[in-house]
Amino acid sequence: MAMRDYLATEIALDHADGHLTRREALRRLGLLGLSAVAASGLLAACGAEEPAAGPPPSPTPAADAGYDVAAALARTSTVTFPGTAGELSGATAAPTGTPRGAVLVVHENRGLTDHIRAVTGRLAGDGYAALAPDLLSRAGGTAAVPDPTAALAQIGEADLVADAQSGVAELGRRYPGLPLAAMGFCFGGGMVWRLLDAGAPELAAAVPFYGPSPENPTFDGDSAAVLGVFAEQDDRVNAGRAKLEAALAAAGVPYEILVVPGTQHAFFNDTGPRFNPEAAASTYQRVLDWYGQYLV
C-alpha cells in the first residue's frame, strides 16, 4: 500500500471516529491530492456519518492503560540529533541501570504525541533505552504543523526512511555495542517495514504494529528478527500481510506473524477509540519476550 493512500484512509477513519467533521476531512484529503469525488467516496467507504459539530476530543490516556503513564512520561526528555537534511528532534528515555538494548520508536500519523512519548518511557521502565524521532522535523516538528497527517504526506517516503535511519544511527552512537531494535505503530509500523525493506543490518529485532506493507518488499540484507503485529479486524492493512510474510520467509530471517483476536486497527493506543486494554497488555508482554530473546 502506498503511504499516501494509507494516510488518506487514516483521515477518513478519523472522520468515522468523530474526530473530524466532513468538511475538515474533505479539506485534509484535498491536501493529499484527492479530488472532491474521490474524497467523498473514501469517506463513504469508511462508513462515516457526520459527527456532531465542535472541536475534536483531546486524546488522553485511558484509565485502564495498564501502566503508570505519568511515570513513563517523566522518564522522557527532548533530544536533538543530526539527520541527513538537518537537525532532527525527538523524545528519549533510558533505564536507571545498564540497558538491555536500545529501541527506535516510530510514531503514528499524528506525529510525536504524548502517547508515543509514554511508550518510549515505558520501555525505559522495562530496561530498554529508547528514542522516538519526530518524523515531522523537516516540517518544523509535530507541534508546529496544523495537520500532521497531511504534513507527513508532503514529505517524500525516501526522506522519511532516511530520518528513521538517522534515528537508528543516533541510538548506535549513544549506546555503542548494544543490540538495536525498532518498533512502530500504524504509520510508524509502515515505516518500520520500509526501514527493513531499505536494508537495516544494524537492527537485531523489529516489531511493526499494523503497518501498511511496501509495494514489493524484499528485506534483502536484513537479519532482524521480526514480530509482525496485526489486528484481526483490520482488513485494509491485513491485505498486505501475505506478501510481507512471503518476503520475510524468502529473506530467511526469524519472524512471527501475530494476529491479535478481536482487535481493530490501533488497538494498542490507549488514547484512541479502538484501544483494547487486555490485548494491548498481552501484546506488550509478547514484545518484551521478543526483545528478551533477540536483543542479546
C-alpha atoms as a PDB file:
ATOM      1  CA  MET A   1       0.000   0.000   0.000  1.00  0.00           C
ATOM      2  CA  ALA A   2       1.362   3.408  -0.948  1.00  0.00           C
ATOM      3  CA  MET A   3       1.922   5.513   2.153  1.00  0.00           C
ATOM      4  CA  ARG A   4      -0.116   8.420   0.763  1.00  0.00           C
ATOM      5  CA  ASP A   5      -3.118   6.106   0.263  1.00  0.00           C
ATOM      6  CA  TYR A   6      -2.709   4.818   3.788  1.00  0.00           C
ATOM      7  CA  LEU A   7      -2.622   8.323   5.244  1.00  0.00           C
ATOM      8  CA  ALA A   8      -5.742   9.252   3.285  1.00  0.00           C
ATOM      9  CA  THR A   9      -7.569   6.314   4.846  1.00  0.00           C
ATOM     10  CA  GLU A  10      -6.393   7.414   8.291  1.00  0.00           C
ATOM     11  CA  ILE A  11      -8.101  10.770   7.718  1.00  0.00           C
ATOM     12  CA  ALA A  12     -11.300   9.006   6.678  1.00  0.00           C
ATOM     13  CA  LEU A  13     -11.176   6.850   9.807  1.00  0.00           C
ATOM     14  CA  ASP A  14     -10.625   9.925  11.981  1.00  0.00           C
ATOM     15  CA  HIS A  15     -13.855  11.256  10.482  1.00  0.00           C
ATOM     16  CA  ALA A  16     -15.614   7.947  11.102  1.00  0.00           C
ATOM     17  CA  ASP A  17     -14.463   8.040  14.740  1.00  0.00           C
ATOM     18  CA  GLY A  18     -15.854  11.545  15.174  1.00  0.00           C
ATOM     19  CA  HIS A  19     -12.532  13.377  15.364  1.00  0.00           C
ATOM     20  CA  LEU A  20     -13.129  15.376  12.173  1.00  0.00           C
ATOM     21  CA  THR A  21     -16.165  16.969  10.581  1.00  0.00           C
ATOM     22  CA  ARG A  22     -16.891  16.005   6.988  1.00  0.00           C
ATOM     23  CA  ARG A  23     -15.826  19.440   5.819  1.00  0.00           C
ATOM     24  CA  GLU A  24     -12.470  19.203   7.594  1.00  0.00           C
ATOM     25  CA  ALA A  25     -11.889  15.646   6.386  1.00  0.00           C
ATOM     26  CA  LEU A  26     -12.563  16.711   2.789  1.00  0.00           C
ATOM     27  CA  ARG A  27     -10.177  19.633   3.203  1.00  0.00           C
ATOM     28  CA  ARG A  28      -7.407  17.402   4.504  1.00  0.00           C
ATOM     29  CA  LEU A  29      -7.961  14.817   1.798  1.00  0.00           C
ATOM     30  CA  GLY A  30      -7.707  17.617  -0.737  1.00  0.00           C
ATOM     31  CA  LEU A  31      -4.284  18.488   0.665  1.00  0.00           C
ATOM     32  CA  LEU A  32      -3.268  14.912  -0.126  1.00  0.00           C
ATOM     33  CA  GLY A  33      -4.310  15.410  -3.738  1.00  0.00           C
ATOM     34  CA  LEU A  34      -7.701  13.671  -3.742  1.00  0.00           C
ATOM     35  CA  SER A  35     -10.485  15.151  -5.843  1.00  0.00           C
ATOM     36  CA  ALA A  36     -13.786  16.004  -4.155  1.00  0.00           C
ATOM     37  CA  VAL A  37     -15.392  12.950  -5.750  1.00  0.00           C
ATOM     38  CA  ALA A  38     -12.599  10.611  -4.662  1.00  0.00           C
ATOM     39  CA  ALA A  39     -12.539  12.068  -1.152  1.00  0.00           C
ATOM     40  CA  SER A  40     -16.308  11.717  -0.759  1.00  0.00           C
ATOM     41  CA  GLY A  41     -16.111   8.129  -1.980  1.00  0.00           C
ATOM     42  CA  LEU A  42     -13.402   7.323   0.565  1.00  0.00           C
ATOM     43  CA  LEU A  43     -15.467   8.765   3.427  1.00  0.00           C
ATOM     44  CA  ALA A  44     -18.463   6.743   2.306  1.00  0.00           C
ATOM     45  CA  ALA A  45     -16.373   3.574   2.064  1.00  0.00           C
ATOM     46  CA  CYS A  46     -15.289   4.026   5.670  1.00  0.00           C
ATOM     47  CA  GLY A  47     -18.929   4.156   6.754  1.00  0.00           C
ATOM     48  CA  ALA A  48     -18.676   7.581   8.335  1.00  0.00           C
ATOM     49  CA  GLU A  49     -21.632   9.651   9.416  1.00  0.00           C
ATOM     50  CA  GLU A  50     -21.337  13.371  10.106  1.00  0.00           C
ATOM     51  CA  PRO A  51     -20.161  13.809  13.728  1.00  0.00           C
ATOM     52  CA  ALA A  52     -21.572  16.469  15.980  1.00  0.00           C
ATOM     53  CA  ALA A  53     -20.159  19.953  15.499  1.00  0.00           C
ATOM     54  CA  GLY A  54     -17.442  21.096  17.831  1.00  0.00           C
ATOM     55  CA  PRO A  55     -13.712  20.573  18.377  1.00  0.00           C
ATOM     56  CA  PRO A  56     -12.300  17.057  18.231  1.00  0.00           C
ATOM     57  CA  PRO A  57     -11.788  15.394  21.588  1.00  0.00           C
ATOM     58  CA  SER A  58      -8.331  15.715  23.081  1.00  0.00           C
ATOM     59  CA  PRO A  59      -6.533  12.364  23.252  1.00  0.00           C
ATOM     60  CA  THR A  60      -5.978  11.391  26.870  1.00  0.00           C
ATOM     61  CA  PRO A  61      -4.679   8.099  28.233  1.00  0.00           C
ATOM     62  CA  ALA A  62      -7.339   5.628  29.281  1.00  0.00           C
ATOM     63  CA  ALA A  63      -7.808   4.981  32.969  1.00  0.00           C
ATOM     64  CA  ASP A  64      -7.037   1.310  32.315  1.00  0.00           C
ATOM     65  CA  ALA A  65      -3.910   1.886  30.218  1.00  0.00           C
ATOM     66  CA  GLY A  66      -2.237  -0.859  32.239  1.00  0.00           C
ATOM     67  CA  TYR A  67       0.856   1.069  33.286  1.00  0.00           C
ATOM     68  CA  ASP A  68       1.772   4.343  35.003  1.00  0.00           C
ATOM     69  CA  VAL A  69       1.563   6.788  32.110  1.00  0.00           C
ATOM     70  CA  ALA A  70       2.688   9.774  34.200  1.00  0.00           C
ATOM     71  CA  ALA A  71       5.781   7.916  35.399  1.00  0.00           C
ATOM     72  CA  ALA A  72       6.572   6.828  31.847  1.00  0.00           C
ATOM     73  CA  LEU A  73       6.309  10.401  30.569  1.00  0.00           C
ATOM     74  CA  ALA A  74       8.504  11.623  33.427  1.00  0.00           C
ATOM     75  CA  ARG A  75      11.301   9.341  32.220  1.00  0.00           C
ATOM     76  CA  THR A  76      11.446  11.030  28.822  1.00  0.00           C
ATOM     77  CA  SER A  77      13.316  14.108  27.705  1.00  0.00           C
ATOM     78  CA  THR A  78      13.563  16.059  24.470  1.00  0.00           C
ATOM     79  CA  VAL A  79      16.572  15.399  22.273  1.00  0.00           C
ATOM     80  CA  THR A  80      18.022  16.693  19.023  1.00  0.00           C
ATOM     81  CA  PHE A  81      20.359  14.772  16.742  1.00  0.00           C
ATOM     82  CA  PRO A  82      21.766  15.050  13.226  1.00  0.00           C
ATOM     83  CA  GLY A  83      19.809  13.940  10.177  1.00  0.00           C
ATOM     84  CA  THR A  84      20.681  13.844   6.508  1.00  0.00           C
ATOM     85  CA  ALA A  85      18.921  17.162   5.828  1.00  0.00           C
ATOM     86  CA  GLY A  86      19.417  18.959   9.134  1.00  0.00           C
ATOM     87  CA  GLU A  87      18.691  18.560  12.799  1.00  0.00           C
ATOM     88  CA  LEU A  88      16.004  16.147  13.947  1.00  0.00           C
ATOM     89  CA  SER A  89      14.142  16.278  17.236  1.00  0.00           C
ATOM     90  CA  GLY A  90      12.568  13.563  19.301  1.00  0.00           C
ATOM     91  CA  ALA A  91      11.996  12.073  22.721  1.00  0.00           C
ATOM     92  CA  THR A  92      14.387   9.767  24.536  1.00  0.00           C
ATOM     93  CA  ALA A  93      14.411   7.716  27.717  1.00  0.00           C
ATOM     94  CA  ALA A  94      16.889   5.415  29.414  1.00  0.00           C
ATOM     95  CA  PRO A  95      16.635   2.924  32.276  1.00  0.00           C
ATOM     96  CA  THR A  96      18.378   3.560  35.581  1.00  0.00           C
ATOM     97  CA  GLY A  97      20.752   0.640  35.094  1.00  0.00           C
ATOM     98  CA  THR A  98      22.581  -0.768  32.096  1.00  0.00           C
ATOM     99  CA  PRO A  99      20.139  -1.040  29.174  1.00  0.00           C
ATOM    100  CA  ARG A 100      19.319  -4.460  27.775  1.00  0.00           C
ATOM    101  CA  GLY A 101      19.129  -2.928  24.302  1.00  0.00           C
ATOM    102  CA  ALA A 102      18.074   0.240  22.506  1.00  0.00           C
ATOM    103  CA  VAL A 103      14.767   0.667  20.642  1.00  0.00           C
ATOM    104  CA  LEU A 104      13.704   3.116  17.942  1.00  0.00           C
ATOM    105  CA  VAL A 105      10.001   4.003  18.444  1.00  0.00           C
ATOM    106  CA  VAL A 106       8.228   5.326  15.337  1.00  0.00           C
ATOM    107  CA  HIS A 107       5.081   7.360  15.859  1.00  0.00           C
ATOM    108  CA  GLU A 108       1.647   7.193  14.249  1.00  0.00           C
ATOM    109  CA  ASN A 109       0.312   9.616  11.639  1.00  0.00           C
ATOM    110  CA  ARG A 110      -0.468  12.172  14.364  1.00  0.00           C
ATOM    111  CA  GLY A 111       3.233  12.723  14.960  1.00  0.00           C
ATOM    112  CA  LEU A 112       5.207  12.658  18.176  1.00  0.00           C
ATOM    113  CA  THR A 113       2.374  12.664  20.729  1.00  0.00           C
ATOM    114  CA  ASP A 114       2.385  12.100  24.472  1.00  0.00           C
ATOM    115  CA  HIS A 115       1.201   8.549  23.779  1.00  0.00           C
ATOM    116  CA  ILE A 116       4.399   7.801  21.855  1.00  0.00           C
ATOM    117  CA  ARG A 117       6.481   9.572  24.485  1.00  0.00           C
ATOM    118  CA  ALA A 118       4.824   7.368  27.097  1.00  0.00           C
ATOM    119  CA  VAL A 119       5.659   4.215  25.109  1.00  0.00           C
ATOM    120  CA  THR A 120       9.273   5.433  24.992  1.00  0.00           C
ATOM    121  CA  GLY A 121       9.332   5.921  28.754  1.00  0.00           C
ATOM    122  CA  ARG A 122       7.558   2.629  29.327  1.00  0.00           C
ATOM    123  CA  LEU A 123      10.313   0.781  27.503  1.00  0.00           C
ATOM    124  CA  ALA A 124      12.886   2.513  29.708  1.00  0.00           C
ATOM    125  CA  GLY A 125      10.972   1.341  32.760  1.00  0.00           C
ATOM    126  CA  ASP A 126      11.356  -2.205  31.439  1.00  0.00           C
ATOM    127  CA  GLY A 127      15.102  -1.907  30.922  1.00  0.00           C
ATOM    128  CA  TYR A 128      15.465  -0.611  27.348  1.00  0.00           C
ATOM    129  CA  ALA A 129      16.848   2.687  26.143  1.00  0.00           C
ATOM    130  CA  ALA A 130      14.505   4.226  23.597  1.00  0.00           C
ATOM    131  CA  LEU A 131      14.401   7.050  21.071  1.00  0.00           C
ATOM    132  CA  ALA A 132      11.273   8.318  19.313  1.00  0.00           C
ATOM    133  CA  PRO A 133      12.225  10.597  16.416  1.00  0.00           C
ATOM    134  CA  ASP A 134       9.801  13.268  15.281  1.00  0.00           C
ATOM    135  CA  LEU A 135       9.431  12.460  11.584  1.00  0.00           C
ATOM    136  CA  LEU A 136       7.825  15.876  11.135  1.00  0.00           C
ATOM    137  CA  SER A 137      11.117  17.581  11.995  1.00  0.00           C
ATOM    138  CA  ARG A 138      11.547  18.578   8.342  1.00  0.00           C
ATOM    139  CA  ALA A 139       8.244  20.482   8.630  1.00  0.00           C
ATOM    140  CA  GLY A 140       9.217  22.184  11.891  1.00  0.00           C
ATOM    141  CA  GLY A 141       8.082  19.431  14.253  1.00  0.00           C
ATOM    142  CA  THR A 142       4.742  17.953  15.285  1.00  0.00           C
ATOM    143  CA  ALA A 143       3.786  20.937  17.444  1.00  0.00           C
ATOM    144  CA  ALA A 144       4.377  23.359  14.564  1.00  0.00           C
ATOM    145  CA  VAL A 145       2.096  21.793  11.946  1.00  0.00           C
ATOM    146  CA  PRO A 146      -1.704  22.211  11.943  1.00  0.00           C
ATOM    147  CA  ASP A 147      -2.265  18.833  10.272  1.00  0.00           C
ATOM    148  CA  PRO A 148       0.372  16.166  10.986  1.00  0.00           C
ATOM    149  CA  THR A 149      -1.145  13.618   8.590  1.00  0.00           C
ATOM    150  CA  ALA A 150      -1.140  15.976   5.615  1.00  0.00           C
ATOM    151  CA  ALA A 151       2.324  17.234   6.542  1.00  0.00           C
ATOM    152  CA  LEU A 152       3.707  13.676   6.614  1.00  0.00           C
ATOM    153  CA  ALA A 153       2.203  13.071   3.180  1.00  0.00           C
ATOM    154  CA  GLN A 154       4.174  16.046   1.843  1.00  0.00           C
ATOM    155  CA  ILE A 155       7.486  14.524   2.954  1.00  0.00           C
ATOM    156  CA  GLY A 156       8.878  12.035   0.475  1.00  0.00           C
ATOM    157  CA  GLU A 157       8.937   8.415   1.555  1.00  0.00           C
ATOM    158  CA  ALA A 158      12.690   8.206   0.937  1.00  0.00           C
ATOM    159  CA  ASP A 159      13.223  11.210   3.226  1.00  0.00           C
ATOM    160  CA  LEU A 160      11.100   9.623   5.956  1.00  0.00           C
ATOM    161  CA  VAL A 161      13.130   6.421   5.717  1.00  0.00           C
ATOM    162  CA  ALA A 162      16.360   8.447   5.836  1.00  0.00           C
ATOM    163  CA  ASP A 163      15.209  10.179   9.020  1.00  0.00           C
ATOM    164  CA  ALA A 164      14.294   6.841  10.606  1.00  0.00           C
ATOM    165  CA  GLN A 165      17.757   5.576   9.641  1.00  0.00           C
ATOM    166  CA  SER A 166      19.258   8.646  11.316  1.00  0.00           C
ATOM    167  CA  GLY A 167      17.385   7.655  14.467  1.00  0.00           C
ATOM    168  CA  VAL A 168      18.912   4.174  14.335  1.00  0.00           C
ATOM    169  CA  ALA A 169      22.345   5.724  13.834  1.00  0.00           C
ATOM    170  CA  GLU A 170      21.800   8.012  16.831  1.00  0.00           C
ATOM    171  CA  LEU A 171      20.939   5.020  19.011  1.00  0.00           C
ATOM    172  CA  GLY A 172      24.152   3.361  17.845  1.00  0.00           C
ATOM    173  CA  ARG A 173      26.161   6.457  18.808  1.00  0.00           C
ATOM    174  CA  ARG A 174      24.523   6.775  22.198  1.00  0.00           C
ATOM    175  CA  TYR A 175      24.697   3.086  23.074  1.00  0.00           C
ATOM    176  CA  PRO A 176      27.675   1.548  21.256  1.00  0.00           C
ATOM    177  CA  GLY A 177      27.737  -2.211  21.427  1.00  0.00           C
ATOM    178  CA  LEU A 178      24.108  -2.587  22.499  1.00  0.00           C
ATOM    179  CA  PRO A 179      21.729  -4.584  20.283  1.00  0.00           C
ATOM    180  CA  LEU A 180      19.270  -2.326  18.455  1.00  0.00           C
ATOM    181  CA  ALA A 181      15.581  -2.756  17.650  1.00  0.00           C
ATOM    182  CA  ALA A 182      12.742  -0.791  16.069  1.00  0.00           C
ATOM    183  CA  MET A 183       9.025  -0.697  16.711  1.00  0.00           C
ATOM    184  CA  GLY A 184       6.286   1.462  15.233  1.00  0.00           C
ATOM    185  CA  PHE A 185       2.524   1.875  15.196  1.00  0.00           C
ATOM    186  CA  CYS A 186       0.137   2.394  12.248  1.00  0.00           C
ATOM    187  CA  PHE A 187       2.054   4.839  10.013  1.00  0.00           C
ATOM    188  CA  GLY A 188       5.068   4.065  12.198  1.00  0.00           C
ATOM    189  CA  GLY A 189       4.583   0.344  11.656  1.00  0.00           C
ATOM    190  CA  GLY A 190       4.632   1.011   7.925  1.00  0.00           C
ATOM    191  CA  MET A 191       7.845   2.997   8.380  1.00  0.00           C
ATOM    192  CA  VAL A 192       9.440   0.064  10.222  1.00  0.00           C
ATOM    193  CA  TRP A 193       8.555  -2.219   7.288  1.00  0.00           C
ATOM    194  CA  ARG A 194      10.079   0.372   4.921  1.00  0.00           C
ATOM    195  CA  LEU A 195      13.164   0.710   7.106  1.00  0.00           C
ATOM    196  CA  LEU A 196      13.666  -3.045   6.863  1.00  0.00           C
ATOM    197  CA  ASP A 197      12.969  -3.010   3.116  1.00  0.00           C
ATOM    198  CA  ALA A 198      15.636  -0.329   2.630  1.00  0.00           C
ATOM    199  CA  GLY A 199      18.136  -2.540   4.459  1.00  0.00           C
ATOM    200  CA  ALA A 200      18.739  -2.201   8.179  1.00  0.00           C
ATOM    201  CA  PRO A 201      21.569  -4.578   9.097  1.00  0.00           C
ATOM    202  CA  GLU A 202      22.115  -2.697  12.388  1.00  0.00           C
ATOM    203  CA  LEU A 203      18.806  -3.974  13.765  1.00  0.00           C
ATOM    204  CA  ALA A 204      18.626  -7.205  15.729  1.00  0.00           C
ATOM    205  CA  ALA A 205      14.838  -7.108  16.119  1.00  0.00           C
ATOM    206  CA  ALA A 206      11.806  -5.225  14.811  1.00  0.00           C
ATOM    207  CA  VAL A 207       8.151  -5.061  15.851  1.00  0.00           C
ATOM    208  CA  PRO A 208       5.871  -3.251  13.375  1.00  0.00           C
ATOM    209  CA  PHE A 209       2.314  -2.862  14.671  1.00  0.00           C
ATOM    210  CA  TYR A 210      -0.419  -2.998  11.978  1.00  0.00           C
ATOM    211  CA  GLY A 211       1.681  -1.086   9.454  1.00  0.00           C
ATOM    212  CA  PRO A 212       0.981  -0.962   5.703  1.00  0.00           C
ATOM    213  CA  SER A 213       3.282  -3.059   3.543  1.00  0.00           C
ATOM    214  CA  PRO A 214       5.672  -1.562   0.994  1.00  0.00           C
ATOM    215  CA  GLU A 215       4.608  -2.262  -2.585  1.00  0.00           C
ATOM    216  CA  ASN A 216       7.138  -5.041  -3.247  1.00  0.00           C
ATOM    217  CA  PRO A 217       9.067  -5.846  -0.070  1.00  0.00           C
ATOM    218  CA  THR A 218      12.203  -7.972  -0.209  1.00  0.00           C
ATOM    219  CA  PHE A 219      14.082  -7.380   3.086  1.00  0.00           C
ATOM    220  CA  ASP A 220      17.350  -8.279   1.354  1.00  0.00           C
ATOM    221  CA  GLY A 221      20.363  -7.864   3.592  1.00  0.00           C
ATOM    222  CA  ASP A 222      18.347  -7.792   6.821  1.00  0.00           C
ATOM    223  CA  SER A 223      18.948 -10.034   9.793  1.00  0.00           C
ATOM    224  CA  ALA A 224      16.444  -8.562  12.246  1.00  0.00           C
ATOM    225  CA  ALA A 225      14.040 -10.959  13.925  1.00  0.00           C
ATOM    226  CA  VAL A 226      10.596  -9.583  13.065  1.00  0.00           C
ATOM    227  CA  LEU A 227       7.452  -9.846  15.157  1.00  0.00           C
ATOM    228  CA  GLY A 228       4.714  -8.511  12.868  1.00  0.00           C
ATOM    229  CA  VAL A 229       1.661  -7.496  14.901  1.00  0.00           C
ATOM    230  CA  PHE A 230      -1.726  -7.269  13.180  1.00  0.00           C
ATOM    231  CA  ALA A 231      -5.267  -6.614  14.387  1.00  0.00           C
ATOM    232  CA  GLU A 232      -7.760  -9.302  13.415  1.00  0.00           C
ATOM    233  CA  GLN A 233     -10.402  -6.766  12.294  1.00  0.00           C
ATOM    234  CA  ASP A 234      -8.131  -4.571  10.140  1.00  0.00           C
ATOM    235  CA  ASP A 235      -8.831  -5.656   6.579  1.00  0.00           C
ATOM    236  CA  ARG A 236      -7.062  -2.783   4.794  1.00  0.00           C
ATOM    237  CA  VAL A 237      -3.693  -3.419   6.495  1.00  0.00           C
ATOM    238  CA  ASN A 238      -4.155  -7.191   6.574  1.00  0.00           C
ATOM    239  CA  ALA A 239      -4.494  -7.156   2.787  1.00  0.00           C
ATOM    240  CA  GLY A 240      -0.715  -6.776   2.613  1.00  0.00           C
ATOM    241  CA  ARG A 241       0.094  -9.370   5.252  1.00  0.00           C
ATOM    242  CA  ALA A 242       0.649 -12.312   2.883  1.00  0.00           C
ATOM    243  CA  LYS A 243       3.291 -10.539   0.807  1.00  0.00           C
ATOM    244  CA  LEU A 244       5.079  -9.379   3.946  1.00  0.00           C
ATOM    245  CA  GLU A 245       5.216 -12.938   5.250  1.00  0.00           C
ATOM    246  CA  ALA A 246       6.382 -14.240   1.879  1.00  0.00           C
ATOM    247  CA  ALA A 247       9.172 -11.667   1.778  1.00  0.00           C
ATOM    248  CA  LEU A 248      10.254 -12.491   5.335  1.00  0.00           C
ATOM    249  CA  ALA A 249      10.341 -16.195   4.526  1.00  0.00           C
ATOM    250  CA  ALA A 250      12.329 -15.567   1.340  1.00  0.00           C
ATOM    251  CA  ALA A 251      14.816 -13.397   3.251  1.00  0.00           C
ATOM    252  CA  GLY A 252      15.397 -16.254   5.698  1.00  0.00           C
ATOM    253  CA  VAL A 253      15.074 -14.102   8.821  1.00  0.00           C
ATOM    254  CA  PRO A 254      13.457 -15.232  12.068  1.00  0.00           C
ATOM    255  CA  TYR A 255       9.889 -13.983  12.146  1.00  0.00           C
ATOM    256  CA  GLU A 256       6.453 -14.470  13.626  1.00  0.00           C
ATOM    257  CA  ILE A 257       3.152 -13.044  12.438  1.00  0.00           C
ATOM    258  CA  LEU A 258       0.919 -12.277  15.420  1.00  0.00           C
ATOM    259  CA  VAL A 259      -2.755 -11.668  14.592  1.00  0.00           C
ATOM    260  CA  VAL A 260      -4.423 -10.457  17.785  1.00  0.00           C
ATOM    261  CA  PRO A 261      -8.001 -11.817  18.059  1.00  0.00           C
ATOM    262  CA  GLY A 262     -10.955  -9.480  18.474  1.00  0.00           C
ATOM    263  CA  THR A 263      -8.967  -6.293  17.855  1.00  0.00           C
ATOM    264  CA  GLN A 264      -9.213  -3.366  15.490  1.00  0.00           C
ATOM    265  CA  HIS A 265      -6.565  -1.145  13.949  1.00  0.00           C
ATOM    266  CA  ALA A 266      -4.694   0.914  16.596  1.00  0.00           C
ATOM    267  CA  PHE A 267      -5.812  -1.332  19.458  1.00  0.00           C
ATOM    268  CA  PHE A 268      -2.581  -0.551  21.340  1.00  0.00           C
ATOM    269  CA  ASN A 269      -3.151   3.216  21.515  1.00  0.00           C
ATOM    270  CA  ASP A 270      -4.643   3.965  24.943  1.00  0.00           C
ATOM    271  CA  THR A 271      -5.741   7.436  23.792  1.00  0.00           C
ATOM    272  CA  GLY A 272      -7.863   6.155  20.901  1.00  0.00           C
ATOM    273  CA  PRO A 273     -11.385   4.785  20.483  1.00  0.00           C
ATOM    274  CA  ARG A 274     -10.216   1.325  19.417  1.00  0.00           C
ATOM    275  CA  PHE A 275      -7.981   0.731  22.443  1.00  0.00           C
ATOM    276  CA  ASN A 276      -8.253  -2.823  23.755  1.00  0.00           C
ATOM    277  CA  PRO A 277      -6.595  -2.931  27.194  1.00  0.00           C
ATOM    278  CA  GLU A 278      -6.385  -6.706  27.524  1.00  0.00           C
ATOM    279  CA  ALA A 279      -4.969  -7.186  24.043  1.00  0.00           C
ATOM    280  CA  ALA A 280      -2.564  -4.261  24.473  1.00  0.00           C
ATOM    281  CA  ALA A 281      -1.207  -5.671  27.728  1.00  0.00           C
ATOM    282  CA  SER A 282      -0.704  -9.187  26.404  1.00  0.00           C
ATOM    283  CA  THR A 283       0.859  -7.932  23.164  1.00  0.00           C
ATOM    284  CA  TYR A 284       3.261  -5.645  25.010  1.00  0.00           C
ATOM    285  CA  GLN A 285       4.413  -8.661  27.017  1.00  0.00           C
ATOM    286  CA  ARG A 286       4.962 -10.538  23.737  1.00  0.00           C
ATOM    287  CA  VAL A 287       7.108  -7.613  22.577  1.00  0.00           C
ATOM    288  CA  LEU A 288       9.205  -7.766  25.750  1.00  0.00           C
ATOM    289  CA  ASP A 289       9.582 -11.524  25.325  1.00  0.00           C
ATOM    290  CA  TRP A 290      10.675 -10.991  21.718  1.00  0.00           C
ATOM    291  CA  TYR A 291      13.270  -8.433  22.718  1.00  0.00           C
ATOM    292  CA  GLY A 292      14.400 -10.685  25.543  1.00  0.00           C
ATOM    293  CA  GLN A 293      15.032 -13.435  23.025  1.00  0.00           C
ATOM    294  CA  TYR A 294      16.712 -11.446  20.253  1.00  0.00           C
ATOM    295  CA  LEU A 295      18.309  -8.388  21.897  1.00  0.00           C
ATOM    296  CA  VAL A 296      21.159 -10.366  23.396  1.00  0.00           C
END
